[in-house]
């Protein structure tokens, strides 16, 4: 039930920026406030997720994206997680090519 709720958040909730074709992603966004010097508040945002090429009930990957001073987990962190999932998906299809791209300078 929890995993289905997290999948629903990616389909039509605050986590929708983590959605990718070909991979089932379920996630939860969040924002915490922490005090800064001078009495101001800062935000730490996060997106915690799991993904799979199978149904979301059988996750193969776990990705956590956390950004200090981020605006929101859905707008900042979910797209970061999507990029990581996209890379994992590409790596599954071509492990050698992807590994080489990680070690070469841009």
PDB file of N, CA and C in Angstrom:
ATOM      1  N   UNK A   1       0.823  -1.190   0.000  1.00  0.00           N
ATOM      2  CA  UNK A   1       0.000   0.000   0.000  1.00  0.00           C
ATOM      3  C   UNK A   1       0.874   1.265   0.000  1.00  0.00           C
ATOM      4  N   UNK A   2       1.918   1.254   0.809  1.00  0.00           N
ATOM      5  CA  UNK A   2       2.811   2.410   0.875  1.00  0.00           C
ATOM      6  C   UNK A   2       3.506   2.638  -0.464  1.00  0.00           C
ATOM      7  N   UNK A   3       3.999   1.559  -1.083  1.00  0.00           N
ATOM      8  CA  UNK A   3       4.692   1.700  -2.364  1.00  0.00           C
ATOM      9  C   UNK A   3       3.754   2.213  -3.449  1.00  0.00           C
ATOM     10  N   UNK A   4       2.508   1.785  -3.429  1.00  0.00           N
ATOM     11  CA  UNK A   4       1.541   2.274  -4.416  1.00  0.00           C
ATOM     12  C   UNK A   4       1.277   3.772  -4.212  1.00  0.00           C
ATOM     13  N   UNK A   5       1.212   4.193  -2.953  1.00  0.00           N
ATOM     14  CA  UNK A   5       1.035   5.612  -2.672  1.00  0.00           C
ATOM     15  C   UNK A   5       2.203   6.439  -3.170  1.00  0.00           C
ATOM     16  N   UNK A   6       3.406   5.908  -2.991  1.00  0.00           N
ATOM     17  CA  UNK A   6       4.596   6.608  -3.474  1.00  0.00           C
ATOM     18  C   UNK A   6       4.612   6.647  -5.002  1.00  0.00           C
ATOM     19  N   UNK A   7       4.154   5.569  -5.643  1.00  0.00           N
ATOM     20  CA  UNK A   7       4.053   5.563  -7.108  1.00  0.00           C
ATOM     21  C   UNK A   7       3.024   6.590  -7.562  1.00  0.00           C
ATOM     22  N   UNK A   8       1.921   6.707  -6.835  1.00  0.00           N
ATOM     23  CA  UNK A   8       0.905   7.703  -7.163  1.00  0.00           C
ATOM     24  C   UNK A   8       1.424   9.123  -7.068  1.00  0.00           C
ATOM     25  N   UNK A   9       2.335   9.373  -6.139  1.00  0.00           N
ATOM     26  CA  UNK A   9       2.927  10.689  -5.990  1.00  0.00           C
ATOM     27  C   UNK A   9       3.746  11.072  -7.224  1.00  0.00           C
ATOM     28  N   UNK A  10       4.351  10.075  -7.874  1.00  0.00           N
ATOM     29  CA  UNK A  10       5.128  10.331  -9.086  1.00  0.00           C
ATOM     30  C   UNK A  10       4.192  10.508 -10.288  1.00  0.00           C
ATOM     31  N   UNK A  11       3.078   9.805 -10.290  1.00  0.00           N
ATOM     32  CA  UNK A  11       2.137   9.904 -11.410  1.00  0.00           C
ATOM     33  C   UNK A  11       1.392  11.241 -11.387  1.00  0.00           C
ATOM     34  N   UNK A  12       0.917  11.648 -10.220  1.00  0.00           N
ATOM     35  CA  UNK A  12       0.067  12.847 -10.208  1.00  0.00           C
ATOM     36  C   UNK A  12       0.244  13.711  -8.957  1.00  0.00           C
ATOM     37  N   UNK A  13       1.373  13.617  -8.288  1.00  0.00           N
ATOM     38  CA  UNK A  13       1.574  14.391  -7.073  1.00  0.00           C
ATOM     39  C   UNK A  13       2.815  15.260  -7.136  1.00  0.00           C
ATOM     40  N   UNK A  14       3.364  15.555  -5.970  1.00  0.00           N
ATOM     41  CA  UNK A  14       4.526  16.447  -5.889  1.00  0.00           C
ATOM     42  C   UNK A  14       5.802  15.841  -6.449  1.00  0.00           C
ATOM     43  N   UNK A  15       5.806  14.521  -6.671  1.00  0.00           N
ATOM     44  CA  UNK A  15       7.004  13.834  -7.171  1.00  0.00           C
ATOM     45  C   UNK A  15       6.999  13.643  -8.685  1.00  0.00           C
ATOM     46  N   UNK A  16       6.050  14.230  -9.390  1.00  0.00           N
ATOM     47  CA  UNK A  16       5.870  13.905 -10.817  1.00  0.00           C
ATOM     48  C   UNK A  16       7.068  14.243 -11.693  1.00  0.00           C
ATOM     49  N   UNK A  17       7.951  15.099 -11.242  1.00  0.00           N
ATOM     50  CA  UNK A  17       9.137  15.431 -12.043  1.00  0.00           C
ATOM     51  C   UNK A  17      10.180  14.307 -12.040  1.00  0.00           C
ATOM     52  N   UNK A  18       9.904  13.233 -11.292  1.00  0.00           N
ATOM     53  CA  UNK A  18      10.799  12.076 -11.289  1.00  0.00           C
ATOM     54  C   UNK A  18      10.323  10.993 -12.253  1.00  0.00           C
ATOM     55  N   UNK A  19       9.185  11.193 -12.890  1.00  0.00           N
ATOM     56  CA  UNK A  19       8.618  10.178 -13.788  1.00  0.00           C
ATOM     57  C   UNK A  19       9.485  10.001 -15.032  1.00  0.00           C
ATOM     58  N   UNK A  20       9.649   8.746 -15.432  1.00  0.00           N
ATOM     59  CA  UNK A  20      10.408   8.401 -16.628  1.00  0.00           C
ATOM     60  C   UNK A  20       9.704   7.272 -17.368  1.00  0.00           C
ATOM     61  N   UNK A  21       9.723   7.288 -18.695  1.00  0.00           N
ATOM     62  CA  UNK A  21       9.169   6.143 -19.421  1.00  0.00           C
ATOM     63  C   UNK A  21      10.071   4.924 -19.250  1.00  0.00           C
ATOM     64  N   UNK A  22       9.472   3.774 -19.082  1.00  0.00           N
ATOM     65  CA  UNK A  22      10.240   2.534 -19.014  1.00  0.00           C
ATOM     66  C   UNK A  22      10.742   2.152 -17.638  1.00  0.00           C
ATOM     67  N   UNK A  23      10.515   2.989 -16.641  1.00  0.00           N
ATOM     68  CA  UNK A  23      10.938   2.649 -15.287  1.00  0.00           C
ATOM     69  C   UNK A  23       9.855   3.108 -14.307  1.00  0.00           C
ATOM     70  N   UNK A  24       9.468   2.215 -13.431  1.00  0.00           N
ATOM     71  CA  UNK A  24       8.447   2.536 -12.431  1.00  0.00           C
ATOM     72  C   UNK A  24       9.145   3.197 -11.247  1.00  0.00           C
ATOM     73  N   UNK A  25       8.758   4.415 -10.949  1.00  0.00           N
ATOM     74  CA  UNK A  25       9.370   5.166  -9.851  1.00  0.00           C
ATOM     75  C   UNK A  25       8.284   5.512  -8.838  1.00  0.00           C
ATOM     76  N   UNK A  26       8.588   5.326  -7.590  1.00  0.00           N
ATOM     77  CA  UNK A  26       7.724   5.774  -6.502  1.00  0.00           C
ATOM     78  C   UNK A  26       8.541   6.648  -5.590  1.00  0.00           C
ATOM     79  N   UNK A  27       7.973   7.728  -5.086  1.00  0.00           N
ATOM     80  CA  UNK A  27       8.783   8.612  -4.270  1.00  0.00           C
ATOM     81  C   UNK A  27       7.997   9.467  -3.304  1.00  0.00           C
ATOM     82  N   UNK A  28       8.737  10.159  -2.472  1.00  0.00           N
ATOM     83  CA  UNK A  28       8.188  11.063  -1.467  1.00  0.00           C
ATOM     84  C   UNK A  28       9.073  12.295  -1.406  1.00  0.00           C
ATOM     85  N   UNK A  29       8.447  13.458  -1.486  1.00  0.00           N
ATOM     86  CA  UNK A  29       9.201  14.702  -1.381  1.00  0.00           C
ATOM     87  C   UNK A  29       9.106  15.228   0.040  1.00  0.00           C
ATOM     88  N   UNK A  30       9.987  16.148   0.363  1.00  0.00           N
ATOM     89  CA  UNK A  30       9.931  16.752   1.687  1.00  0.00           C
ATOM     90  C   UNK A  30      10.766  18.010   1.761  1.00  0.00           C
ATOM     91  N   UNK A  31      10.452  18.829   2.735  1.00  0.00           N
ATOM     92  CA  UNK A  31      11.199  20.050   3.006  1.00  0.00           C
ATOM     93  C   UNK A  31      11.273  20.230   4.517  1.00  0.00           C
ATOM     94  N   UNK A  32      12.451  20.525   5.011  1.00  0.00           N
ATOM     95  CA  UNK A  32      12.628  20.786   6.436  1.00  0.00           C
ATOM     96  C   UNK A  32      13.209  22.185   6.596  1.00  0.00           C
ATOM     97  N   UNK A  33      12.843  22.842   7.658  1.00  0.00           N
ATOM     98  CA  UNK A  33      13.397  24.148   7.955  1.00  0.00           C
ATOM     99  C   UNK A  33      14.441  24.000   9.052  1.00  0.00           C
ATOM    100  N   UNK A  34      15.566  24.667   8.857  1.00  0.00           N
ATOM    101  CA  UNK A  34      16.631  24.659   9.860  1.00  0.00           C
ATOM    102  C   UNK A  34      17.033  26.107  10.149  1.00  0.00           C
ATOM    103  N   UNK A  35      17.289  26.420  11.406  1.00  0.00           N
ATOM    104  CA  UNK A  35      17.664  27.800  11.741  1.00  0.00           C
ATOM    105  C   UNK A  35      19.062  28.140  11.226  1.00  0.00           C
ATOM    106  N   UNK A  36      19.193  29.368  10.759  1.00  0.00           N
ATOM    107  CA  UNK A  36      20.482  29.904  10.323  1.00  0.00           C
ATOM    108  C   UNK A  36      20.881  31.013  11.280  1.00  0.00           C
ATOM    109  N   UNK A  37      22.096  31.473  11.137  1.00  0.00           N
ATOM    110  CA  UNK A  37      22.569  32.599  11.943  1.00  0.00           C
ATOM    111  C   UNK A  37      21.684  33.813  11.698  1.00  0.00           C
ATOM    112  N   UNK A  38      21.449  34.580  12.704  1.00  0.00           N
ATOM    113  CA  UNK A  38      20.631  35.773  12.570  1.00  0.00           C
ATOM    114  C   UNK A  38      19.140  35.513  12.688  1.00  0.00           C
ATOM    115  N   UNK A  39      18.775  34.289  13.056  1.00  0.00           N
ATOM    116  CA  UNK A  39      17.370  33.977  13.254  1.00  0.00           C
ATOM    117  C   UNK A  39      16.592  33.636  11.999  1.00  0.00           C
ATOM    118  N   UNK A  40      17.239  33.637  10.845  1.00  0.00           N
ATOM    119  CA  UNK A  40      16.549  33.275   9.609  1.00  0.00           C
ATOM    120  C   UNK A  40      16.444  31.758   9.496  1.00  0.00           C
ATOM    121  N   UNK A  41      15.544  31.319   8.643  1.00  0.00           N
ATOM    122  CA  UNK A  41      15.359  29.885   8.418  1.00  0.00           C
ATOM    123  C   UNK A  41      15.863  29.515   7.027  1.00  0.00           C
ATOM    124  N   UNK A  42      16.461  28.353   6.923  1.00  0.00           N
ATOM    125  CA  UNK A  42      16.911  27.810   5.649  1.00  0.00           C
ATOM    126  C   UNK A  42      16.104  26.541   5.396  1.00  0.00           C
ATOM    127  N   UNK A  43      16.065  26.103   4.164  1.00  0.00           N
ATOM    128  CA  UNK A  43      15.337  24.891   3.811  1.00  0.00           C
ATOM    129  C   UNK A  43      16.296  23.811   3.337  1.00  0.00           C
ATOM    130  N   UNK A  44      16.051  22.612   3.763  1.00  0.00           N
ATOM    131  CA  UNK A  44      16.722  21.436   3.212  1.00  0.00           C
ATOM    132  C   UNK A  44      15.624  20.632   2.541  1.00  0.00           C
ATOM    133  N   UNK A  45      15.773  20.383   1.257  1.00  0.00           N
ATOM    134  CA  UNK A  45      14.747  19.659   0.516  1.00  0.00           C
ATOM    135  C   UNK A  45      15.266  18.287   0.134  1.00  0.00           C
ATOM    136  N   UNK A  46      14.336  17.352  -0.035  1.00  0.00           N
ATOM    137  CA  UNK A  46      14.744  16.012  -0.419  1.00  0.00           C
ATOM    138  C   UNK A  46      13.669  15.318  -1.230  1.00  0.00           C
ATOM    139  N   UNK A  47      14.116  14.282  -1.907  1.00  0.00           N
ATOM    140  CA  UNK A  47      13.232  13.375  -2.619  1.00  0.00           C
ATOM    141  C   UNK A  47      13.803  11.993  -2.388  1.00  0.00           C
ATOM    142  N   UNK A  48      13.035  11.137  -1.748  1.00  0.00           N
ATOM    143  CA  UNK A  48      13.433   9.761  -1.476  1.00  0.00           C
ATOM    144  C   UNK A  48      12.605   8.878  -2.381  1.00  0.00           C
ATOM    145  N   UNK A  49      13.252   7.927  -3.047  1.00  0.00           N
ATOM    146  CA  UNK A  49      12.513   7.159  -4.036  1.00  0.00           C
ATOM    147  C   UNK A  49      13.079   5.766  -4.218  1.00  0.00           C
ATOM    148  N   UNK A  50      12.303   4.956  -4.926  1.00  0.00           N
ATOM    149  CA  UNK A  50      12.784   3.662  -5.380  1.00  0.00           C
ATOM    150  C   UNK A  50      12.268   3.473  -6.790  1.00  0.00           C
ATOM    151  N   UNK A  51      13.033   2.755  -7.595  1.00  0.00           N
ATOM    152  CA  UNK A  51      12.642   2.571  -8.983  1.00  0.00           C
ATOM    153  C   UNK A  51      12.953   1.177  -9.463  1.00  0.00           C
ATOM    154  N   UNK A  52      12.255   0.798 -10.517  1.00  0.00           N
ATOM    155  CA  UNK A  52      12.387  -0.542 -11.037  1.00  0.00           C
ATOM    156  C   UNK A  52      11.889  -0.580 -12.466  1.00  0.00           C
ATOM    157  N   UNK A  53      12.442  -1.490 -13.266  1.00  0.00           N
ATOM    158  CA  UNK A  53      11.868  -1.729 -14.582  1.00  0.00           C
ATOM    159  C   UNK A  53      10.675  -2.662 -14.429  1.00  0.00           C
ATOM    160  N   UNK A  54      10.553  -3.280 -13.270  1.00  0.00           N
ATOM    161  CA  UNK A  54       9.408  -4.120 -12.920  1.00  0.00           C
ATOM    162  C   UNK A  54       8.386  -3.256 -12.201  1.00  0.00           C
ATOM    163  N   UNK A  55       7.307  -3.846 -11.710  1.00  0.00           N
ATOM    164  CA  UNK A  55       6.376  -3.032 -10.928  1.00  0.00           C
ATOM    165  C   UNK A  55       7.077  -2.389  -9.735  1.00  0.00           C
ATOM    166  N   UNK A  56       6.574  -1.254  -9.311  1.00  0.00           N
ATOM    167  CA  UNK A  56       7.186  -0.503  -8.221  1.00  0.00           C
ATOM    168  C   UNK A  56       7.243  -1.325  -6.929  1.00  0.00           C
ATOM    169  N   UNK A  57       6.420  -2.357  -6.829  1.00  0.00           N
ATOM    170  CA  UNK A  57       6.444  -3.214  -5.636  1.00  0.00           C
ATOM    171  C   UNK A  57       7.702  -4.073  -5.551  1.00  0.00           C
ATOM    172  N   UNK A  58       8.511  -4.100  -6.619  1.00  0.00           N
ATOM    173  CA  UNK A  58       9.770  -4.869  -6.634  1.00  0.00           C
ATOM    174  C   UNK A  58      10.933  -3.949  -6.987  1.00  0.00           C
ATOM    175  N   UNK A  59      11.254  -2.980  -6.134  1.00  0.00           N
ATOM    176  CA  UNK A  59      12.282  -2.000  -6.500  1.00  0.00           C
ATOM    177  C   UNK A  59      13.666  -2.623  -6.675  1.00  0.00           C
ATOM    178  N   UNK A  60      14.376  -2.108  -7.660  1.00  0.00           N
ATOM    179  CA  UNK A  60      15.759  -2.516  -7.927  1.00  0.00           C
ATOM    180  C   UNK A  60      16.757  -1.454  -7.486  1.00  0.00           C
ATOM    181  N   UNK A  61      16.318  -0.215  -7.403  1.00  0.00           N
ATOM    182  CA  UNK A  61      17.188   0.901  -7.069  1.00  0.00           C
ATOM    183  C   UNK A  61      16.550   1.743  -5.967  1.00  0.00           C
ATOM    184  N   UNK A  62      17.399   2.420  -5.216  1.00  0.00           N
ATOM    185  CA  UNK A  62      16.951   3.430  -4.258  1.00  0.00           C
ATOM    186  C   UNK A  62      17.787   4.671  -4.518  1.00  0.00           C
ATOM    187  N   UNK A  63      17.130   5.797  -4.654  1.00  0.00           N
ATOM    188  CA  UNK A  63      17.815   7.068  -4.893  1.00  0.00           C
ATOM    189  C   UNK A  63      17.297   8.084  -3.883  1.00  0.00           C
ATOM    190  N   UNK A  64      18.213   8.774  -3.243  1.00  0.00           N
ATOM    191  CA  UNK A  64      17.849   9.877  -2.350  1.00  0.00           C
ATOM    192  C   UNK A  64      18.596  11.108  -2.847  1.00  0.00           C
ATOM    193  N   UNK A  65      17.870  12.153  -3.158  1.00  0.00           N
ATOM    194  CA  UNK A  65      18.468  13.424  -3.561  1.00  0.00           C
ATOM    195  C   UNK A  65      18.138  14.441  -2.481  1.00  0.00           C
ATOM    196  N   UNK A  66      19.154  15.093  -1.938  1.00  0.00           N
ATOM    197  CA  UNK A  66      18.949  16.082  -0.883  1.00  0.00           C
ATOM    198  C   UNK A  66      19.729  17.336  -1.257  1.00  0.00           C
ATOM    199  N   UNK A  67      19.076  18.496  -1.147  1.00  0.00           N
ATOM    200  CA  UNK A  67      19.703  19.759  -1.520  1.00  0.00           C
ATOM    201  C   UNK A  67      19.531  20.754  -0.376  1.00  0.00           C
ATOM    202  N   UNK A  68      20.632  21.253   0.109  1.00  0.00           N
ATOM    203  CA  UNK A  68      20.582  22.287   1.137  1.00  0.00           C
ATOM    204  C   UNK A  68      20.236  23.610   0.470  1.00  0.00           C
ATOM    205  N   UNK A  69      19.378  24.374   1.077  1.00  0.00           N
ATOM    206  CA  UNK A  69      18.880  25.650   0.554  1.00  0.00           C
ATOM    207  C   UNK A  69      18.074  25.464  -0.731  1.00  0.00           C
ATOM    208  N   UNK A  70      17.424  24.322  -0.878  1.00  0.00           N
ATOM    209  CA  UNK A  70      16.575  24.067  -2.041  1.00  0.00           C
ATOM    210  C   UNK A  70      15.186  24.644  -1.843  1.00  0.00           C
ATOM    211  N   UNK A  71      14.479  24.847  -2.936  1.00  0.00           N
ATOM    212  CA  UNK A  71      13.135  25.430  -2.866  1.00  0.00           C
ATOM    213  C   UNK A  71      12.098  24.399  -2.435  1.00  0.00           C
ATOM    214  N   UNK A  72      12.110  23.225  -3.064  1.00  0.00           N
ATOM    215  CA  UNK A  72      11.171  22.168  -2.686  1.00  0.00           C
ATOM    216  C   UNK A  72      11.691  20.836  -3.205  1.00  0.00           C
ATOM    217  N   UNK A  73      11.282  19.757  -2.542  1.00  0.00           N
ATOM    218  CA  UNK A  73      11.717  18.431  -2.966  1.00  0.00           C
ATOM    219  C   UNK A  73      11.225  18.074  -4.349  1.00  0.00           C
ATOM    220  N   UNK A  74      10.007  18.504  -4.690  1.00  0.00           N
ATOM    221  CA  UNK A  74       9.426  18.173  -5.981  1.00  0.00           C
ATOM    222  C   UNK A  74      10.055  18.919  -7.140  1.00  0.00           C
ATOM    223  N   UNK A  75      10.387  20.198  -6.940  1.00  0.00           N
ATOM    224  CA  UNK A  75      10.923  20.986  -8.053  1.00  0.00           C
ATOM    225  C   UNK A  75      12.437  20.883  -8.199  1.00  0.00           C
ATOM    226  N   UNK A  76      13.144  20.653  -7.106  1.00  0.00           N
ATOM    227  CA  UNK A  76      14.607  20.610  -7.153  1.00  0.00           C
ATOM    228  C   UNK A  76      15.148  19.180  -7.137  1.00  0.00           C
ATOM    229  N   UNK A  77      14.695  18.373  -6.202  1.00  0.00           N
ATOM    230  CA  UNK A  77      15.298  17.058  -5.983  1.00  0.00           C
ATOM    231  C   UNK A  77      14.736  15.953  -6.883  1.00  0.00           C
ATOM    232  N   UNK A  78      13.449  15.975  -7.168  1.00  0.00           N
ATOM    233  CA  UNK A  78      12.862  14.930  -8.016  1.00  0.00           C
ATOM    234  C   UNK A  78      13.517  14.899  -9.403  1.00  0.00           C
ATOM    235  N   UNK A  79      13.785  16.049 -10.056  1.00  0.00           N
ATOM    236  CA  UNK A  79      14.475  15.992 -11.344  1.00  0.00           C
ATOM    237  C   UNK A  79      15.907  15.440 -11.246  1.00  0.00           C
ATOM    238  N   UNK A  80      16.566  15.672 -10.133  1.00  0.00           N
ATOM    239  CA  UNK A  80      17.903  15.099  -9.928  1.00  0.00           C
ATOM    240  C   UNK A  80      17.796  13.581  -9.896  1.00  0.00           C
ATOM    241  N   UNK A  81      16.825  13.081  -9.150  1.00  0.00           N
ATOM    242  CA  UNK A  81      16.612  11.635  -9.083  1.00  0.00           C
ATOM    243  C   UNK A  81      16.277  11.072 -10.464  1.00  0.00           C
ATOM    244  N   UNK A  82      15.475  11.796 -11.235  1.00  0.00           N
ATOM    245  CA  UNK A  82      15.125  11.334 -12.587  1.00  0.00           C
ATOM    246  C   UNK A  82      16.373  11.186 -13.449  1.00  0.00           C
ATOM    247  N   UNK A  83      17.305  12.135 -13.344  1.00  0.00           N
ATOM    248  CA  UNK A  83      18.549  12.030 -14.120  1.00  0.00           C
ATOM    249  C   UNK A  83      19.353  10.808 -13.697  1.00  0.00           C
ATOM    250  N   UNK A  84      19.369  10.526 -12.395  1.00  0.00           N
ATOM    251  CA  UNK A  84      20.093   9.348 -11.906  1.00  0.00           C
ATOM    252  C   UNK A  84      19.429   8.078 -12.421  1.00  0.00           C
ATOM    253  N   UNK A  85      18.094   8.013 -12.354  1.00  0.00           N
ATOM    254  CA  UNK A  85      17.389   6.844 -12.874  1.00  0.00           C
ATOM    255  C   UNK A  85      17.622   6.670 -14.372  1.00  0.00           C
ATOM    256  N   UNK A  86      17.621   7.778 -15.122  1.00  0.00           N
ATOM    257  CA  UNK A  86      17.880   7.703 -16.561  1.00  0.00           C
ATOM    258  C   UNK A  86      19.263   7.113 -16.818  1.00  0.00           C
ATOM    259  N   UNK A  87      20.241   7.551 -16.043  1.00  0.00           N
ATOM    260  CA  UNK A  87      21.601   7.019 -16.187  1.00  0.00           C
ATOM    261  C   UNK A  87      21.622   5.520 -15.855  1.00  0.00           C
ATOM    262  N   UNK A  88      20.954   5.118 -14.790  1.00  0.00           N
ATOM    263  CA  UNK A  88      20.899   3.696 -14.435  1.00  0.00           C
ATOM    264  C   UNK A  88      20.229   2.884 -15.532  1.00  0.00           C
ATOM    265  N   UNK A  89      19.197   3.449 -16.128  1.00  0.00           N
ATOM    266  CA  UNK A  89      18.492   2.777 -17.214  1.00  0.00           C
ATOM    267  C   UNK A  89      19.413   2.614 -18.420  1.00  0.00           C
ATOM    268  N   UNK A  90      20.152   3.662 -18.774  1.00  0.00           N
ATOM    269  CA  UNK A  90      21.087   3.593 -19.896  1.00  0.00           C
ATOM    270  C   UNK A  90      22.204   2.606 -19.602  1.00  0.00           C
ATOM    271  N   UNK A  91      22.670   2.604 -18.383  1.00  0.00           N
ATOM    272  CA  UNK A  91      23.745   1.689 -17.992  1.00  0.00           C
ATOM    273  C   UNK A  91      23.303   0.230 -18.095  1.00  0.00           C
ATOM    274  N   UNK A  92      22.052  -0.042 -17.758  1.00  0.00           N
ATOM    275  CA  UNK A  92      21.531  -1.403 -17.856  1.00  0.00           C
ATOM    276  C   UNK A  92      21.502  -1.870 -19.307  1.00  0.00           C
ATOM    277  N   UNK A  93      21.312  -0.922 -20.243  1.00  0.00           N
ATOM    278  CA  UNK A  93      21.263  -1.289 -21.659  1.00  0.00           C
ATOM    279  C   UNK A  93      22.638  -1.336 -22.303  1.00  0.00           C
ATOM    280  N   UNK A  94      23.603  -0.590 -21.769  1.00  0.00           N
ATOM    281  CA  UNK A  94      24.938  -0.552 -22.351  1.00  0.00           C
ATOM    282  C   UNK A  94      25.969  -0.263 -21.261  1.00  0.00           C
ATOM    283  N   UNK A  95      26.294  -1.254 -20.422  1.00  0.00           N
ATOM    284  CA  UNK A  95      27.182  -1.004 -19.281  1.00  0.00           C
ATOM    285  C   UNK A  95      28.564  -0.487 -19.654  1.00  0.00           C
ATOM    286  N   UNK A  96      29.170  -1.001 -20.715  1.00  0.00           N
ATOM    287  CA  UNK A  96      30.523  -0.587 -21.079  1.00  0.00           C
ATOM    288  C   UNK A  96      30.544   0.843 -21.573  1.00  0.00           C
ATOM    289  N   UNK A  97      29.621   1.185 -22.444  1.00  0.00           N
ATOM    290  CA  UNK A  97      29.577   2.534 -23.002  1.00  0.00           C
ATOM    291  C   UNK A  97      29.327   3.572 -21.913  1.00  0.00           C
ATOM    292  N   UNK A  98      28.410   3.306 -21.012  1.00  0.00           N
ATOM    293  CA  UNK A  98      28.108   4.245 -19.944  1.00  0.00           C
ATOM    294  C   UNK A  98      29.278   4.384 -18.992  1.00  0.00           C
ATOM    295  N   UNK A  99      29.917   3.269 -18.638  1.00  0.00           N
ATOM    296  CA  UNK A  99      31.072   3.329 -17.742  1.00  0.00           C
ATOM    297  C   UNK A  99      32.186   4.159 -18.368  1.00  0.00           C
ATOM    298  N   UNK A 100      32.422   4.021 -19.672  1.00  0.00           N
ATOM    299  CA  UNK A 100      33.442   4.805 -20.341  1.00  0.00           C
ATOM    300  C   UNK A 100      33.094   6.289 -20.320  1.00  0.00           C
ATOM    301  N   UNK A 101      31.820   6.633 -20.487  1.00  0.00           N
ATOM    302  CA  UNK A 101      31.425   8.035 -20.497  1.00  0.00           C
ATOM    303  C   UNK A 101      31.635   8.678 -19.122  1.00  0.00           C
ATOM    304  N   UNK A 102      31.606   7.897 -18.066  1.00  0.00           N
ATOM    305  CA  UNK A 102      31.811   8.444 -16.736  1.00  0.00           C
ATOM    306  C   UNK A 102      33.274   8.741 -16.454  1.00  0.00           C
ATOM    307  N   UNK A 103      34.181   8.060 -17.123  1.00  0.00           N
ATOM    308  CA  UNK A 103      35.605   8.233 -16.832  1.00  0.00           C
ATOM    309  C   UNK A 103      36.290   9.190 -17.802  1.00  0.00           C
ATOM    310  N   UNK A 104      35.603   9.626 -18.856  1.00  0.00           N
ATOM    311  CA  UNK A 104      36.207  10.521 -19.819  1.00  0.00           C
ATOM    312  C   UNK A 104      35.888  11.965 -19.477  1.00  0.00           C
ATOM    313  N   UNK A 105      36.851  12.830 -19.672  1.00  0.00           N
ATOM    314  CA  UNK A 105      36.631  14.261 -19.424  1.00  0.00           C
ATOM    315  C   UNK A 105      35.655  14.810 -20.451  1.00  0.00           C
ATOM    316  N   UNK A 106      34.852  15.792 -20.075  1.00  0.00           N
ATOM    317  CA  UNK A 106      33.885  16.381 -21.022  1.00  0.00           C
ATOM    318  C   UNK A 106      34.563  17.118 -22.157  1.00  0.00           C
TER     319      UNK A 106
END
